[in-house]
């Protein structure tokens, strides 16, 4: 998953891949401007919602956002009120899925 935001638009990209190698790719343009950190949470939430709709019970998430990965894992404190709400939403979606592993990957 990845997201990008600038002064004109915000976009997110998600790739869901099954154990059998079936890939579903999503590219979404958000209808609102947002910060880079917020867009990284938007992509996580959208990915979790898509995985839920597919009936996923075990998920591995890869993101280049150190902030999001660390906050979801609980190793970074969440101070910003918007980030607190995004984290709450992500964790509630995670609980609906079941098992989820979150890993940071390098920007590529």
PDB file of N, CA and C in Angstrom:
ATOM      1  N   UNK A   1       0.834  -1.178   0.000  1.00  0.00           N
ATOM      2  CA  UNK A   1       0.000   0.000   0.000  1.00  0.00           C
ATOM      3  C   UNK A   1       0.875   1.236   0.000  1.00  0.00           C
ATOM      4  N   UNK A   2       0.384   2.293  -0.610  1.00  0.00           N
ATOM      5  CA  UNK A   2       1.106   3.557  -0.592  1.00  0.00           C
ATOM      6  C   UNK A   2       0.116   4.678  -0.866  1.00  0.00           C
ATOM      7  N   UNK A   3       0.454   5.841  -0.387  1.00  0.00           N
ATOM      8  CA  UNK A   3      -0.357   7.020  -0.611  1.00  0.00           C
ATOM      9  C   UNK A   3       0.532   8.208  -0.880  1.00  0.00           C
ATOM     10  N   UNK A   4      -0.035   9.185  -1.575  1.00  0.00           N
ATOM     11  CA  UNK A   4       0.705  10.409  -1.875  1.00  0.00           C
ATOM     12  C   UNK A   4      -0.257  11.587  -1.843  1.00  0.00           C
ATOM     13  N   UNK A   5       0.231  12.708  -1.348  1.00  0.00           N
ATOM     14  CA  UNK A   5      -0.591  13.900  -1.249  1.00  0.00           C
ATOM     15  C   UNK A   5       0.260  15.108  -1.608  1.00  0.00           C
ATOM     16  N   UNK A   6      -0.341  16.040  -2.359  1.00  0.00           N
ATOM     17  CA  UNK A   6       0.305  17.318  -2.622  1.00  0.00           C
ATOM     18  C   UNK A   6      -0.756  18.406  -2.550  1.00  0.00           C
ATOM     19  N   UNK A   7      -0.453  19.602  -2.993  1.00  0.00           N
ATOM     20  CA  UNK A   7      -1.391  20.712  -2.852  1.00  0.00           C
ATOM     21  C   UNK A   7      -2.588  20.595  -3.789  1.00  0.00           C
ATOM     22  N   UNK A   8      -2.531  19.695  -4.763  1.00  0.00           N
ATOM     23  CA  UNK A   8      -3.613  19.554  -5.742  1.00  0.00           C
ATOM     24  C   UNK A   8      -4.510  18.348  -5.515  1.00  0.00           C
ATOM     25  N   UNK A   9      -3.945  17.241  -5.043  1.00  0.00           N
ATOM     26  CA  UNK A   9      -4.738  16.027  -4.903  1.00  0.00           C
ATOM     27  C   UNK A   9      -4.056  15.027  -3.977  1.00  0.00           C
ATOM     28  N   UNK A  10      -4.829  14.006  -3.630  1.00  0.00           N
ATOM     29  CA  UNK A  10      -4.302  12.899  -2.827  1.00  0.00           C
ATOM     30  C   UNK A  10      -4.744  11.603  -3.493  1.00  0.00           C
ATOM     31  N   UNK A  11      -3.817  10.644  -3.597  1.00  0.00           N
ATOM     32  CA  UNK A  11      -4.103   9.351  -4.224  1.00  0.00           C
ATOM     33  C   UNK A  11      -3.564   8.232  -3.349  1.00  0.00           C
ATOM     34  N   UNK A  12      -4.239   7.088  -3.451  1.00  0.00           N
ATOM     35  CA  UNK A  12      -3.767   5.920  -2.733  1.00  0.00           C
ATOM     36  C   UNK A  12      -3.730   4.726  -3.677  1.00  0.00           C
ATOM     37  N   UNK A  13      -2.801   3.827  -3.403  1.00  0.00           N
ATOM     38  CA  UNK A  13      -2.681   2.601  -4.187  1.00  0.00           C
ATOM     39  C   UNK A  13      -2.593   1.404  -3.268  1.00  0.00           C
ATOM     40  N   UNK A  14      -3.328   0.360  -3.630  1.00  0.00           N
ATOM     41  CA  UNK A  14      -3.389  -0.852  -2.819  1.00  0.00           C
ATOM     42  C   UNK A  14      -3.241  -2.053  -3.739  1.00  0.00           C
ATOM     43  N   UNK A  15      -2.448  -3.026  -3.322  1.00  0.00           N
ATOM     44  CA  UNK A  15      -2.370  -4.307  -4.014  1.00  0.00           C
ATOM     45  C   UNK A  15      -2.680  -5.387  -2.994  1.00  0.00           C
ATOM     46  N   UNK A  16      -3.727  -6.143  -3.264  1.00  0.00           N
ATOM     47  CA  UNK A  16      -4.071  -7.292  -2.427  1.00  0.00           C
ATOM     48  C   UNK A  16      -3.696  -8.536  -3.209  1.00  0.00           C
ATOM     49  N   UNK A  17      -2.944  -9.427  -2.570  1.00  0.00           N
ATOM     50  CA  UNK A  17      -2.513 -10.648  -3.240  1.00  0.00           C
ATOM     51  C   UNK A  17      -2.850 -11.853  -2.365  1.00  0.00           C
ATOM     52  N   UNK A  18      -3.534 -12.827  -2.968  1.00  0.00           N
ATOM     53  CA  UNK A  18      -3.899 -14.039  -2.236  1.00  0.00           C
ATOM     54  C   UNK A  18      -2.711 -14.982  -2.165  1.00  0.00           C
ATOM     55  N   UNK A  19      -2.827 -15.989  -1.330  1.00  0.00           N
ATOM     56  CA  UNK A  19      -1.783 -16.999  -1.230  1.00  0.00           C
ATOM     57  C   UNK A  19      -1.602 -17.744  -2.551  1.00  0.00           C
ATOM     58  N   UNK A  20      -2.651 -17.761  -3.360  1.00  0.00           N
ATOM     59  CA  UNK A  20      -2.582 -18.426  -4.665  1.00  0.00           C
ATOM     60  C   UNK A  20      -1.973 -17.532  -5.738  1.00  0.00           C
ATOM     61  N   UNK A  21      -1.653 -16.288  -5.384  1.00  0.00           N
ATOM     62  CA  UNK A  21      -1.033 -15.364  -6.326  1.00  0.00           C
ATOM     63  C   UNK A  21      -2.006 -14.491  -7.102  1.00  0.00           C
ATOM     64  N   UNK A  22      -3.278 -14.536  -6.761  1.00  0.00           N
ATOM     65  CA  UNK A  22      -4.267 -13.677  -7.421  1.00  0.00           C
ATOM     66  C   UNK A  22      -4.103 -12.266  -6.880  1.00  0.00           C
ATOM     67  N   UNK A  23      -3.953 -11.291  -7.789  1.00  0.00           N
ATOM     68  CA  UNK A  23      -3.746  -9.896  -7.374  1.00  0.00           C
ATOM     69  C   UNK A  23      -4.939  -9.026  -7.737  1.00  0.00           C
ATOM     70  N   UNK A  24      -5.306  -8.170  -6.809  1.00  0.00           N
ATOM     71  CA  UNK A  24      -6.295  -7.120  -7.031  1.00  0.00           C
ATOM     72  C   UNK A  24      -5.597  -5.799  -6.759  1.00  0.00           C
ATOM     73  N   UNK A  25      -5.645  -4.907  -7.731  1.00  0.00           N
ATOM     74  CA  UNK A  25      -4.979  -3.617  -7.589  1.00  0.00           C
ATOM     75  C   UNK A  25      -6.010  -2.503  -7.595  1.00  0.00           C
ATOM     76  N   UNK A  26      -5.846  -1.586  -6.658  1.00  0.00           N
ATOM     77  CA  UNK A  26      -6.735  -0.440  -6.538  1.00  0.00           C
ATOM     78  C   UNK A  26      -5.903   0.837  -6.591  1.00  0.00           C
ATOM     79  N   UNK A  27      -6.358   1.793  -7.371  1.00  0.00           N
ATOM     80  CA  UNK A  27      -5.789   3.137  -7.368  1.00  0.00           C
ATOM     81  C   UNK A  27      -6.966   4.074  -7.186  1.00  0.00           C
ATOM     82  N   UNK A  28      -6.941   4.831  -6.116  1.00  0.00           N
ATOM     83  CA  UNK A  28      -8.049   5.708  -5.783  1.00  0.00           C
ATOM     84  C   UNK A  28      -7.579   7.150  -5.627  1.00  0.00           C
ATOM     85  N   UNK A  29      -8.365   8.050  -6.163  1.00  0.00           N
ATOM     86  CA  UNK A  29      -8.118   9.470  -5.970  1.00  0.00           C
ATOM     87  C   UNK A  29      -9.075   9.927  -4.876  1.00  0.00           C
ATOM     88  N   UNK A  30      -8.518  10.469  -3.798  1.00  0.00           N
ATOM     89  CA  UNK A  30      -9.351  10.948  -2.701  1.00  0.00           C
ATOM     90  C   UNK A  30     -10.021  12.252  -3.120  1.00  0.00           C
ATOM     91  N   UNK A  31     -11.223  12.457  -2.669  1.00  0.00           N
ATOM     92  CA  UNK A  31     -11.973  13.657  -3.028  1.00  0.00           C
ATOM     93  C   UNK A  31     -11.713  14.821  -2.092  1.00  0.00           C
ATOM     94  N   UNK A  32     -10.602  14.776  -1.379  1.00  0.00           N
ATOM     95  CA  UNK A  32     -10.270  15.852  -0.445  1.00  0.00           C
ATOM     96  C   UNK A  32      -8.754  15.920  -0.296  1.00  0.00           C
ATOM     97  N   UNK A  33      -8.266  17.096   0.093  1.00  0.00           N
ATOM     98  CA  UNK A  33      -6.838  17.264   0.325  1.00  0.00           C
ATOM     99  C   UNK A  33      -6.520  16.832   1.753  1.00  0.00           C
ATOM    100  N   UNK A  34      -5.349  16.282   1.918  1.00  0.00           N
ATOM    101  CA  UNK A  34      -4.973  15.750   3.219  1.00  0.00           C
ATOM    102  C   UNK A  34      -3.458  15.755   3.355  1.00  0.00           C
ATOM    103  N   UNK A  35      -2.972  15.582   4.554  1.00  0.00           N
ATOM    104  CA  UNK A  35      -1.530  15.544   4.777  1.00  0.00           C
ATOM    105  C   UNK A  35      -0.973  14.195   4.328  1.00  0.00           C
ATOM    106  N   UNK A  36       0.330  14.099   4.204  1.00  0.00           N
ATOM    107  CA  UNK A  36       0.954  12.825   3.827  1.00  0.00           C
ATOM    108  C   UNK A  36       0.689  11.739   4.871  1.00  0.00           C
ATOM    109  N   UNK A  37       0.749  12.084   6.142  1.00  0.00           N
ATOM    110  CA  UNK A  37       0.483  11.088   7.182  1.00  0.00           C
ATOM    111  C   UNK A  37      -0.971  10.625   7.151  1.00  0.00           C
ATOM    112  N   UNK A  38      -1.893  11.554   6.927  1.00  0.00           N
ATOM    113  CA  UNK A  38      -3.301  11.186   6.845  1.00  0.00           C
ATOM    114  C   UNK A  38      -3.562  10.289   5.640  1.00  0.00           C
ATOM    115  N   UNK A  39      -2.941  10.590   4.512  1.00  0.00           N
ATOM    116  CA  UNK A  39      -3.155   9.774   3.316  1.00  0.00           C
ATOM    117  C   UNK A  39      -2.610   8.359   3.526  1.00  0.00           C
ATOM    118  N   UNK A  40      -1.541   8.216   4.306  1.00  0.00           N
ATOM    119  CA  UNK A  40      -1.012   6.881   4.604  1.00  0.00           C
ATOM    120  C   UNK A  40      -2.011   6.081   5.444  1.00  0.00           C
ATOM    121  N   UNK A  41      -2.715   6.754   6.360  1.00  0.00           N
ATOM    122  CA  UNK A  41      -3.769   6.072   7.109  1.00  0.00           C
ATOM    123  C   UNK A  41      -4.978   5.785   6.217  1.00  0.00           C
ATOM    124  N   UNK A  42      -5.301   6.699   5.315  1.00  0.00           N
ATOM    125  CA  UNK A  42      -6.419   6.467   4.388  1.00  0.00           C
ATOM    126  C   UNK A  42      -6.189   5.197   3.576  1.00  0.00           C
ATOM    127  N   UNK A  43      -4.965   5.004   3.103  1.00  0.00           N
ATOM    128  CA  UNK A  43      -4.680   3.815   2.310  1.00  0.00           C
ATOM    129  C   UNK A  43      -4.749   2.560   3.180  1.00  0.00           C
ATOM    130  N   UNK A  44      -4.306   2.634   4.416  1.00  0.00           N
ATOM    131  CA  UNK A  44      -4.412   1.485   5.315  1.00  0.00           C
ATOM    132  C   UNK A  44      -5.877   1.127   5.544  1.00  0.00           C
ATOM    133  N   UNK A  45      -6.692   2.125   5.849  1.00  0.00           N
ATOM    134  CA  UNK A  45      -8.112   1.892   6.099  1.00  0.00           C
ATOM    135  C   UNK A  45      -8.795   1.321   4.865  1.00  0.00           C
ATOM    136  N   UNK A  46      -8.521   1.887   3.694  1.00  0.00           N
ATOM    137  CA  UNK A  46      -9.129   1.383   2.458  1.00  0.00           C
ATOM    138  C   UNK A  46      -8.702  -0.051   2.181  1.00  0.00           C
ATOM    139  N   UNK A  47      -7.443  -0.358   2.423  1.00  0.00           N
ATOM    140  CA  UNK A  47      -6.947  -1.714   2.231  1.00  0.00           C
ATOM    141  C   UNK A  47      -7.587  -2.699   3.191  1.00  0.00           C
ATOM    142  N   UNK A  48      -7.735  -2.301   4.438  1.00  0.00           N
ATOM    143  CA  UNK A  48      -8.381  -3.161   5.432  1.00  0.00           C
ATOM    144  C   UNK A  48      -9.849  -3.392   5.079  1.00  0.00           C
ATOM    145  N   UNK A  49     -10.530  -2.348   4.622  1.00  0.00           N
ATOM    146  CA  UNK A  49     -11.934  -2.496   4.236  1.00  0.00           C
ATOM    147  C   UNK A  49     -12.073  -3.428   3.036  1.00  0.00           C
ATOM    148  N   UNK A  50     -11.185  -3.296   2.061  1.00  0.00           N
ATOM    149  CA  UNK A  50     -11.219  -4.184   0.895  1.00  0.00           C
ATOM    150  C   UNK A  50     -10.947  -5.622   1.308  1.00  0.00           C
ATOM    151  N   UNK A  51      -9.971  -5.814   2.170  1.00  0.00           N
ATOM    152  CA  UNK A  51      -9.640  -7.169   2.638  1.00  0.00           C
ATOM    153  C   UNK A  51     -10.818  -7.782   3.392  1.00  0.00           C
ATOM    154  N   UNK A  52     -11.497  -6.976   4.197  1.00  0.00           N
ATOM    155  CA  UNK A  52     -12.669  -7.468   4.928  1.00  0.00           C
ATOM    156  C   UNK A  52     -13.760  -7.922   3.973  1.00  0.00           C
ATOM    157  N   UNK A  53     -14.021  -7.122   2.943  1.00  0.00           N
ATOM    158  CA  UNK A  53     -15.071  -7.462   1.974  1.00  0.00           C
ATOM    159  C   UNK A  53     -14.761  -8.761   1.244  1.00  0.00           C
ATOM    160  N   UNK A  54     -13.483  -9.073   1.122  1.00  0.00           N
ATOM    161  CA  UNK A  54     -13.077 -10.311   0.467  1.00  0.00           C
ATOM    162  C   UNK A  54     -13.074 -11.502   1.429  1.00  0.00           C
ATOM    163  N   UNK A  55     -13.377 -11.247   2.700  1.00  0.00           N
ATOM    164  CA  UNK A  55     -13.423 -12.320   3.682  1.00  0.00           C
ATOM    165  C   UNK A  55     -12.060 -12.741   4.208  1.00  0.00           C
ATOM    166  N   UNK A  56     -11.100 -11.847   4.131  1.00  0.00           N
ATOM    167  CA  UNK A  56      -9.743 -12.138   4.588  1.00  0.00           C
ATOM    168  C   UNK A  56      -9.729 -12.398   6.092  1.00  0.00           C
ATOM    169  N   UNK A  57      -8.998 -13.438   6.493  1.00  0.00           N
ATOM    170  CA  UNK A  57      -8.877 -13.739   7.921  1.00  0.00           C
ATOM    171  C   UNK A  57      -7.437 -13.612   8.407  1.00  0.00           C
ATOM    172  N   UNK A  58      -6.511 -13.509   7.483  1.00  0.00           N
ATOM    173  CA  UNK A  58      -5.097 -13.329   7.820  1.00  0.00           C
ATOM    174  C   UNK A  58      -4.500 -12.378   6.796  1.00  0.00           C
ATOM    175  N   UNK A  59      -3.801 -11.356   7.275  1.00  0.00           N
ATOM    176  CA  UNK A  59      -3.339 -10.298   6.386  1.00  0.00           C
ATOM    177  C   UNK A  59      -1.932  -9.859   6.750  1.00  0.00           C
ATOM    178  N   UNK A  60      -1.114  -9.643   5.735  1.00  0.00           N
ATOM    179  CA  UNK A  60       0.195  -9.016   5.906  1.00  0.00           C
ATOM    180  C   UNK A  60       0.140  -7.674   5.192  1.00  0.00           C
ATOM    181  N   UNK A  61       0.476  -6.618   5.906  1.00  0.00           N
ATOM    182  CA  UNK A  61       0.438  -5.262   5.372  1.00  0.00           C
ATOM    183  C   UNK A  61       1.860  -4.745   5.257  1.00  0.00           C
ATOM    184  N   UNK A  62       2.182  -4.178   4.089  1.00  0.00           N
ATOM    185  CA  UNK A  62       3.502  -3.594   3.859  1.00  0.00           C
ATOM    186  C   UNK A  62       3.319  -2.125   3.508  1.00  0.00           C
ATOM    187  N   UNK A  63       3.997  -1.261   4.238  1.00  0.00           N
ATOM    188  CA  UNK A  63       3.892   0.184   4.031  1.00  0.00           C
ATOM    189  C   UNK A  63       5.262   0.818   4.180  1.00  0.00           C
ATOM    190  N   UNK A  64       5.482   1.908   3.451  1.00  0.00           N
ATOM    191  CA  UNK A  64       6.741   2.633   3.606  1.00  0.00           C
ATOM    192  C   UNK A  64       6.632   3.734   4.664  1.00  0.00           C
ATOM    193  N   UNK A  65       5.480   3.831   5.322  1.00  0.00           N
ATOM    194  CA  UNK A  65       5.264   4.865   6.334  1.00  0.00           C
ATOM    195  C   UNK A  65       5.707   4.376   7.709  1.00  0.00           C
ATOM    196  N   UNK A  66       6.837   4.876   8.165  1.00  0.00           N
ATOM    197  CA  UNK A  66       7.327   4.506   9.489  1.00  0.00           C
ATOM    198  C   UNK A  66       6.333   4.922  10.558  1.00  0.00           C
ATOM    199  N   UNK A  67       5.725   6.081  10.385  1.00  0.00           N
ATOM    200  CA  UNK A  67       4.779   6.583  11.373  1.00  0.00           C
ATOM    201  C   UNK A  67       3.595   5.626  11.525  1.00  0.00           C
ATOM    202  N   UNK A  68       2.941   5.287  10.425  1.00  0.00           N
ATOM    203  CA  UNK A  68       1.759   4.431  10.487  1.00  0.00           C
ATOM    204  C   UNK A  68       2.117   3.042  11.012  1.00  0.00           C
ATOM    205  N   UNK A  69       3.160   2.443  10.480  1.00  0.00           N
ATOM    206  CA  UNK A  69       3.561   1.108  10.925  1.00  0.00           C
ATOM    207  C   UNK A  69       3.869   1.113  12.419  1.00  0.00           C
ATOM    208  N   UNK A  70       4.626   2.090  12.870  1.00  0.00           N
ATOM    209  CA  UNK A  70       5.012   2.150  14.286  1.00  0.00           C
ATOM    210  C   UNK A  70       3.826   2.439  15.193  1.00  0.00           C
ATOM    211  N   UNK A  71       2.900   3.292  14.742  1.00  0.00           N
ATOM    212  CA  UNK A  71       1.722   3.575  15.558  1.00  0.00           C
ATOM    213  C   UNK A  71       0.799   2.359  15.631  1.00  0.00           C
ATOM    214  N   UNK A  72       0.618   1.652  14.527  1.00  0.00           N
ATOM    215  CA  UNK A  72      -0.227   0.461  14.536  1.00  0.00           C
ATOM    216  C   UNK A  72       0.382  -0.617  15.431  1.00  0.00           C
ATOM    217  N   UNK A  73       1.700  -0.736  15.410  1.00  0.00           N
ATOM    218  CA  UNK A  73       2.375  -1.726  16.262  1.00  0.00           C
ATOM    219  C   UNK A  73       2.435  -1.291  17.727  1.00  0.00           C
ATOM    220  N   UNK A  74       2.187  -0.005  17.995  1.00  0.00           N
ATOM    221  CA  UNK A  74       2.203   0.498  19.366  1.00  0.00           C
ATOM    222  C   UNK A  74       3.555   0.985  19.843  1.00  0.00           C
ATOM    223  N   UNK A  75       4.529   1.095  18.938  1.00  0.00           N
ATOM    224  CA  UNK A  75       5.858   1.538  19.357  1.00  0.00           C
ATOM    225  C   UNK A  75       6.055   3.052  19.236  1.00  0.00           C
ATOM    226  N   UNK A  76       5.140   3.765  18.566  1.00  0.00           N
ATOM    227  CA  UNK A  76       5.163   5.227  18.494  1.00  0.00           C
ATOM    228  C   UNK A  76       3.904   5.751  19.166  1.00  0.00           C
ATOM    229  N   UNK A  77       4.073   6.782  19.949  1.00  0.00           N
ATOM    230  CA  UNK A  77       2.939   7.448  20.582  1.00  0.00           C
ATOM    231  C   UNK A  77       2.148   8.221  19.527  1.00  0.00           C
ATOM    232  N   UNK A  78       0.839   8.253  19.698  1.00  0.00           N
ATOM    233  CA  UNK A  78      -0.030   9.003  18.791  1.00  0.00           C
ATOM    234  C   UNK A  78      -0.465  10.266  19.519  1.00  0.00           C
ATOM    235  N   UNK A  79      -0.100  11.417  18.984  1.00  0.00           N
ATOM    236  CA  UNK A  79      -0.412  12.687  19.648  1.00  0.00           C
ATOM    237  C   UNK A  79      -1.489  13.478  18.915  1.00  0.00           C
ATOM    238  N   UNK A  80      -1.422  13.505  17.601  1.00  0.00           N
ATOM    239  CA  UNK A  80      -2.353  14.305  16.812  1.00  0.00           C
ATOM    240  C   UNK A  80      -3.760  13.707  16.899  1.00  0.00           C
ATOM    241  N   UNK A  81      -4.767  14.527  17.204  1.00  0.00           N
ATOM    242  CA  UNK A  81      -6.138  14.007  17.328  1.00  0.00           C
ATOM    243  C   UNK A  81      -6.640  13.284  16.072  1.00  0.00           C
ATOM    244  N   UNK A  82      -6.284  13.767  14.894  1.00  0.00           N
ATOM    245  CA  UNK A  82      -6.696  13.090  13.656  1.00  0.00           C
ATOM    246  C   UNK A  82      -6.055  11.707  13.548  1.00  0.00           C
ATOM    247  N   UNK A  83      -4.781  11.622  13.928  1.00  0.00           N
ATOM    248  CA  UNK A  83      -4.084  10.338  13.873  1.00  0.00           C
ATOM    249  C   UNK A  83      -4.660   9.360  14.893  1.00  0.00           C
ATOM    250  N   UNK A  84      -5.091   9.879  16.043  1.00  0.00           N
ATOM    251  CA  UNK A  84      -5.726   9.033  17.063  1.00  0.00           C
ATOM    252  C   UNK A  84      -6.976   8.379  16.476  1.00  0.00           C
ATOM    253  N   UNK A  85      -7.785   9.170  15.776  1.00  0.00           N
ATOM    254  CA  UNK A  85      -9.018   8.634  15.185  1.00  0.00           C
ATOM    255  C   UNK A  85      -8.711   7.630  14.073  1.00  0.00           C
ATOM    256  N   UNK A  86      -7.723   7.938  13.225  1.00  0.00           N
ATOM    257  CA  UNK A  86      -7.333   6.991  12.177  1.00  0.00           C
ATOM    258  C   UNK A  86      -6.848   5.675  12.788  1.00  0.00           C
ATOM    259  N   UNK A  87      -6.037   5.773  13.838  1.00  0.00           N
ATOM    260  CA  UNK A  87      -5.512   4.569  14.473  1.00  0.00           C
ATOM    261  C   UNK A  87      -6.642   3.741  15.077  1.00  0.00           C
ATOM    262  N   UNK A  88      -7.586   4.392  15.747  1.00  0.00           N
ATOM    263  CA  UNK A  88      -8.730   3.679  16.322  1.00  0.00           C
ATOM    264  C   UNK A  88      -9.497   2.924  15.228  1.00  0.00           C
ATOM    265  N   UNK A  89      -9.735   3.594  14.109  1.00  0.00           N
ATOM    266  CA  UNK A  89     -10.455   2.966  13.001  1.00  0.00           C
ATOM    267  C   UNK A  89      -9.675   1.779  12.453  1.00  0.00           C
ATOM    268  N   UNK A  90      -8.375   1.977  12.228  1.00  0.00           N
ATOM    269  CA  UNK A  90      -7.540   0.894  11.694  1.00  0.00           C
ATOM    270  C   UNK A  90      -7.524  -0.305  12.636  1.00  0.00           C
ATOM    271  N   UNK A  91      -7.405  -0.061  13.919  1.00  0.00           N
ATOM    272  CA  UNK A  91      -7.367  -1.163  14.880  1.00  0.00           C
ATOM    273  C   UNK A  91      -8.708  -1.877  14.976  1.00  0.00           C
ATOM    274  N   UNK A  92      -9.806  -1.142  14.846  1.00  0.00           N
ATOM    275  CA  UNK A  92     -11.116  -1.804  14.881  1.00  0.00           C
ATOM    276  C   UNK A  92     -11.317  -2.653  13.625  1.00  0.00           C
ATOM    277  N   UNK A  93     -10.846  -2.184  12.470  1.00  0.00           N
ATOM    278  CA  UNK A  93     -10.924  -2.984  11.250  1.00  0.00           C
ATOM    279  C   UNK A  93     -10.027  -4.204  11.361  1.00  0.00           C
ATOM    280  N   UNK A  94      -8.850  -4.017  11.936  1.00  0.00           N
ATOM    281  CA  UNK A  94      -7.921  -5.135  12.140  1.00  0.00           C
ATOM    282  C   UNK A  94      -8.581  -6.211  12.997  1.00  0.00           C
ATOM    283  N   UNK A  95      -9.274  -5.815  14.034  1.00  0.00           N
ATOM    284  CA  UNK A  95      -9.931  -6.774  14.920  1.00  0.00           C
ATOM    285  C   UNK A  95     -10.999  -7.570  14.176  1.00  0.00           C
ATOM    286  N   UNK A  96     -11.622  -6.953  13.171  1.00  0.00           N
ATOM    287  CA  UNK A  96     -12.644  -7.647  12.378  1.00  0.00           C
ATOM    288  C   UNK A  96     -12.035  -8.656  11.424  1.00  0.00           C
ATOM    289  N   UNK A  97     -10.797  -8.442  11.045  1.00  0.00           N
ATOM    290  CA  UNK A  97     -10.129  -9.347  10.106  1.00  0.00           C
ATOM    291  C   UNK A  97      -9.574 -10.559  10.835  1.00  0.00           C
ATOM    292  N   UNK A  98      -8.956 -10.325  11.955  1.00  0.00           N
ATOM    293  CA  UNK A  98      -8.309 -11.422  12.677  1.00  0.00           C
ATOM    294  C   UNK A  98      -6.825 -11.153  12.779  1.00  0.00           C
ATOM    295  N   UNK A  99      -6.038 -11.990  12.179  1.00  0.00           N
ATOM    296  CA  UNK A  99      -4.583 -11.881  12.267  1.00  0.00           C
ATOM    297  C   UNK A  99      -4.049 -10.879  11.245  1.00  0.00           C
ATOM    298  N   UNK A 100      -3.234  -9.921  11.735  1.00  0.00           N
ATOM    299  CA  UNK A 100      -2.625  -8.947  10.830  1.00  0.00           C
ATOM    300  C   UNK A 100      -1.198  -8.662  11.263  1.00  0.00           C
ATOM    301  N   UNK A 101      -0.286  -8.748  10.330  1.00  0.00           N
ATOM    302  CA  UNK A 101       1.115  -8.404  10.548  1.00  0.00           C
ATOM    303  C   UNK A 101       1.393  -7.149   9.726  1.00  0.00           C
ATOM    304  N   UNK A 102       2.032  -6.161  10.341  1.00  0.00           N
ATOM    305  CA  UNK A 102       2.352  -4.906   9.666  1.00  0.00           C
ATOM    306  C   UNK A 102       3.852  -4.754   9.617  1.00  0.00           C
ATOM    307  N   UNK A 103       4.383  -4.481   8.419  1.00  0.00           N
ATOM    308  CA  UNK A 103       5.823  -4.339   8.232  1.00  0.00           C
ATOM    309  C   UNK A 103       6.135  -3.084   7.433  1.00  0.00           C
ATOM    310  N   UNK A 104       7.235  -2.447   7.825  1.00  0.00           N
ATOM    311  CA  UNK A 104       7.707  -1.290   7.069  1.00  0.00           C
ATOM    312  C   UNK A 104       8.658  -1.766   5.979  1.00  0.00           C
ATOM    313  N   UNK A 105       8.466  -1.202   4.787  1.00  0.00           N
ATOM    314  CA  UNK A 105       9.374  -1.467   3.682  1.00  0.00           C
ATOM    315  C   UNK A 105      10.033  -0.159   3.283  1.00  0.00           C
ATOM    316  N   UNK A 106      11.159  -0.248   2.621  1.00  0.00           N
ATOM    317  CA  UNK A 106      11.851   0.978   2.228  1.00  0.00           C
ATOM    318  C   UNK A 106      11.148   1.625   1.056  1.00  0.00           C
ATOM    319  N   UNK A 107      11.252   2.940   0.980  1.00  0.00           N
ATOM    320  CA  UNK A 107      10.649   3.680  -0.140  1.00  0.00           C
ATOM    321  C   UNK A 107      11.425   3.311  -1.395  1.00  0.00           C
ATOM    322  N   UNK A 108      10.664   3.095  -2.431  1.00  0.00           N
ATOM    323  CA  UNK A 108      11.329   2.542  -3.530  1.00  0.00           C
ATOM    324  C   UNK A 108      11.522   3.117  -4.797  1.00  0.00           C
TER     325      UNK A 108
END
